[in-house]
Amino acid sequence: MDAEAVVRPVVEGAGLELVEVTFARDGGRRVLRVVIDRETPVDLDTIASLSEKLSRRLDLEDVGGGSYALEVSSPGIERPLKTLEQFRRVVGGRVTVKTAEPVGGARSHRGRLLDVEADGIVLDVDGAPRRIAVVQIVSARTLADWDVELKGARA
């Protein structure tokens, strides 16, 4: 059975957004990684509660065909962006986007996210707007302003 098909209703039932579900090898063991998010920061109690619910459900559905470790986490400060809704949440913030084909002469784009349109995004790259269609995006993530983040940690 598909892990995402089992995980998604449990995550969404808890009022959270499913960002990613992956099986990976880590140090010789199999790991099922579940990345969750929501509008407000995800705390450890939420992660622990969801981990218990997911573990029970995954055991019932016999997902994975063997033993594995379950890891539930939030995406962190520099988070992947995969849907237009995720892009909408960070309008005004800095992002990095990689495209399959060159756009504006480049495949790698860094800038402030100005707008999210029906079929793509608009970035301010070096003071000029750059439109990138969703179908061109290979990967994208937020970029943290580490000066601000580190000042907040010291305050």
Protein backbone atom coordinates (compact mmCIF):
# COMPACT_ATOMS: atom_id res chain seq x y z
CA MET A 1 0.00 0.00 0.00
CA ASP A 2 1.14 3.55 -0.78
CA ALA A 3 2.50 5.26 2.35
CA GLU A 4 1.20 8.69 1.35
CA ALA A 5 -2.34 7.34 0.89
CA VAL A 6 -2.27 6.07 4.49
CA VAL A 7 -0.46 9.06 6.00
CA ARG A 8 -2.39 11.92 4.34
CA PRO A 9 -5.81 11.40 6.02
CA VAL A 10 -4.19 11.08 9.47
CA VAL A 11 -2.16 14.28 8.99
CA GLU A 12 -5.06 16.26 7.54
CA GLY A 13 -7.40 14.89 10.22
CA ALA A 14 -5.07 16.44 12.79
CA GLY A 15 -5.45 19.83 11.07
CA LEU A 16 -1.97 19.75 9.55
CA GLU A 17 -0.60 19.93 6.02
CA LEU A 18 1.36 17.02 4.55
CA VAL A 19 4.49 18.39 2.89
CA GLU A 20 6.29 15.18 1.99
CA VAL A 21 6.37 11.41 2.55
CA THR A 22 9.50 9.49 1.57
CA PHE A 23 11.12 6.13 2.22
CA ALA A 24 14.90 6.38 2.41
CA ARG A 25 17.93 4.42 3.56
CA ASP A 26 19.86 5.95 6.42
CA GLY A 27 22.85 4.13 7.85
CA GLY A 28 21.63 0.75 6.62
CA ARG A 29 18.10 1.13 7.99
CA ARG A 30 14.89 2.07 6.21
CA VAL A 31 13.27 5.32 7.32
CA LEU A 32 9.80 6.61 6.54
CA ARG A 33 10.05 10.41 6.73
CA VAL A 34 6.87 12.43 7.11
CA VAL A 35 7.18 16.21 6.91
CA ILE A 36 4.24 18.25 8.18
CA ASP A 37 3.43 21.94 8.42
CA ARG A 38 0.76 24.45 9.42
CA GLU A 39 0.27 28.22 9.58
CA THR A 40 1.66 28.43 13.13
CA PRO A 41 4.93 26.74 14.14
CA VAL A 42 4.70 22.99 14.73
CA ASP A 43 5.68 22.15 18.32
CA LEU A 44 7.11 18.92 19.72
CA ASP A 45 3.84 17.91 21.40
CA THR A 46 2.07 18.04 18.02
CA ILE A 47 4.84 15.97 16.41
CA ALA A 48 4.75 13.39 19.24
CA SER A 49 0.96 13.06 19.11
CA LEU A 50 0.92 12.71 15.34
CA SER A 51 3.79 10.19 15.43
CA GLU A 52 1.73 7.95 17.73
CA LYS A 53 -1.35 8.18 15.48
CA LEU A 54 0.70 7.52 12.35
CA SER A 55 2.53 4.59 13.91
CA ARG A 56 -0.74 2.88 14.85
CA ARG A 57 -2.27 3.49 11.41
CA LEU A 58 0.83 2.37 9.51
CA ASP A 59 0.99 -0.84 11.57
CA LEU A 60 -2.69 -1.57 10.84
CA GLU A 61 -2.21 -1.03 7.10
CA ASP A 62 1.13 -2.92 7.00
CA VAL A 63 2.82 -0.17 5.00
CA GLY A 64 6.42 -0.62 3.94
CA GLY A 65 6.69 -4.39 3.72
CA GLY A 66 9.14 -4.84 6.58
CA SER A 67 10.72 -2.92 9.39
CA TYR A 68 11.51 0.78 9.23
CA ALA A 69 11.85 3.79 11.52
CA LEU A 70 9.20 6.53 11.42
CA GLU A 71 10.45 10.13 11.52
CA VAL A 72 7.94 12.99 11.73
CA SER A 73 9.21 16.57 11.47
CA SER A 74 8.42 20.07 10.31
CA PRO A 75 10.19 21.47 7.26
CA GLY A 76 12.32 23.94 9.24
CA ILE A 77 13.26 27.50 8.39
CA GLU A 78 14.34 26.85 4.81
CA ARG A 79 11.41 24.79 3.64
CA PRO A 80 10.55 23.22 0.30
CA LEU A 81 7.81 24.82 -1.77
CA LYS A 82 5.80 22.43 -3.90
CA THR A 83 2.32 23.89 -4.27
CA LEU A 84 0.99 27.32 -5.21
CA GLU A 85 -0.60 27.49 -1.74
CA GLN A 86 2.83 27.03 -0.15
CA PHE A 87 4.19 29.81 -2.37
CA ARG A 88 1.26 32.07 -1.37
CA ARG A 89 2.20 31.73 2.30
CA VAL A 90 5.65 33.19 1.69
CA VAL A 91 4.85 36.09 -0.66
CA GLY A 92 7.27 38.87 0.26
CA GLY A 93 9.91 36.40 1.43
CA ARG A 94 13.12 35.28 -0.26
CA VAL A 95 13.08 32.04 -2.25
CA THR A 96 15.32 30.04 -4.53
CA VAL A 97 13.84 28.28 -7.56
CA LYS A 98 15.40 25.85 -10.03
CA THR A 99 13.85 25.46 -13.47
CA ALA A 100 14.11 22.69 -16.04
CA GLU A 101 14.83 25.16 -18.84
CA PRO A 102 16.49 28.59 -18.62
CA VAL A 103 14.18 31.48 -17.72
CA GLY A 104 15.69 34.92 -18.11
CA GLY A 105 18.95 33.25 -19.10
CA ALA A 106 19.27 31.12 -15.94
CA ARG A 107 18.04 27.87 -14.40
CA SER A 108 18.69 28.98 -10.82
CA HIS A 109 16.75 31.97 -9.52
CA ARG A 110 17.01 33.75 -6.15
CA GLY A 111 14.89 36.66 -5.14
CA ARG A 112 11.90 38.06 -3.31
CA LEU A 113 8.59 36.40 -4.16
CA LEU A 114 6.36 39.18 -5.46
CA ASP A 115 3.23 37.34 -6.54
CA VAL A 116 1.61 33.95 -7.10
CA GLU A 117 -0.50 33.69 -10.24
CA ALA A 118 -2.82 30.93 -11.47
CA ASP A 119 -0.06 29.25 -13.48
CA GLY A 120 3.17 30.45 -11.88
CA ILE A 121 5.09 32.85 -9.68
CA VAL A 122 6.75 36.25 -10.03
CA LEU A 123 10.14 36.85 -8.42
CA ASP A 124 12.10 40.06 -8.00
CA VAL A 125 15.52 38.98 -9.25
CA ASP A 126 18.10 41.77 -8.97
CA GLY A 127 15.40 44.44 -9.16
CA ALA A 128 13.56 43.03 -12.19
CA PRO A 129 10.37 40.91 -12.11
CA ARG A 130 10.79 37.37 -13.46
CA ARG A 131 7.76 35.21 -14.24
CA ILE A 132 8.24 31.48 -13.84
CA ALA A 133 5.54 29.03 -14.88
CA VAL A 134 4.74 26.22 -12.45
CA VAL A 135 5.45 23.61 -15.15
CA GLN A 136 9.03 24.95 -15.39
CA ILE A 137 9.79 24.59 -11.65
CA VAL A 138 11.95 21.60 -10.74
CA SER A 139 12.45 22.57 -7.09
CA ALA A 140 11.95 25.56 -4.83
CA ARG A 141 12.49 26.49 -1.20
CA THR A 142 12.44 29.46 1.09
CA LEU A 143 15.66 31.26 1.95
CA ALA A 144 16.20 32.29 5.54
CA ASP A 145 17.60 35.70 6.41
CA TRP A 146 20.22 34.29 8.77
CA ASP A 147 21.15 37.70 10.19
CA VAL A 148 17.56 38.15 11.39
CA GLU A 149 17.26 34.52 12.54
CA LEU A 150 20.49 34.67 14.56
CA LYS A 151 19.57 38.02 16.15
CA GLY A 152 16.27 36.48 17.23
CA ALA A 153 18.12 33.57 18.83
CA ARG A 154 20.34 35.93 20.84
CA ALA A 155 17.53 38.20 22.03
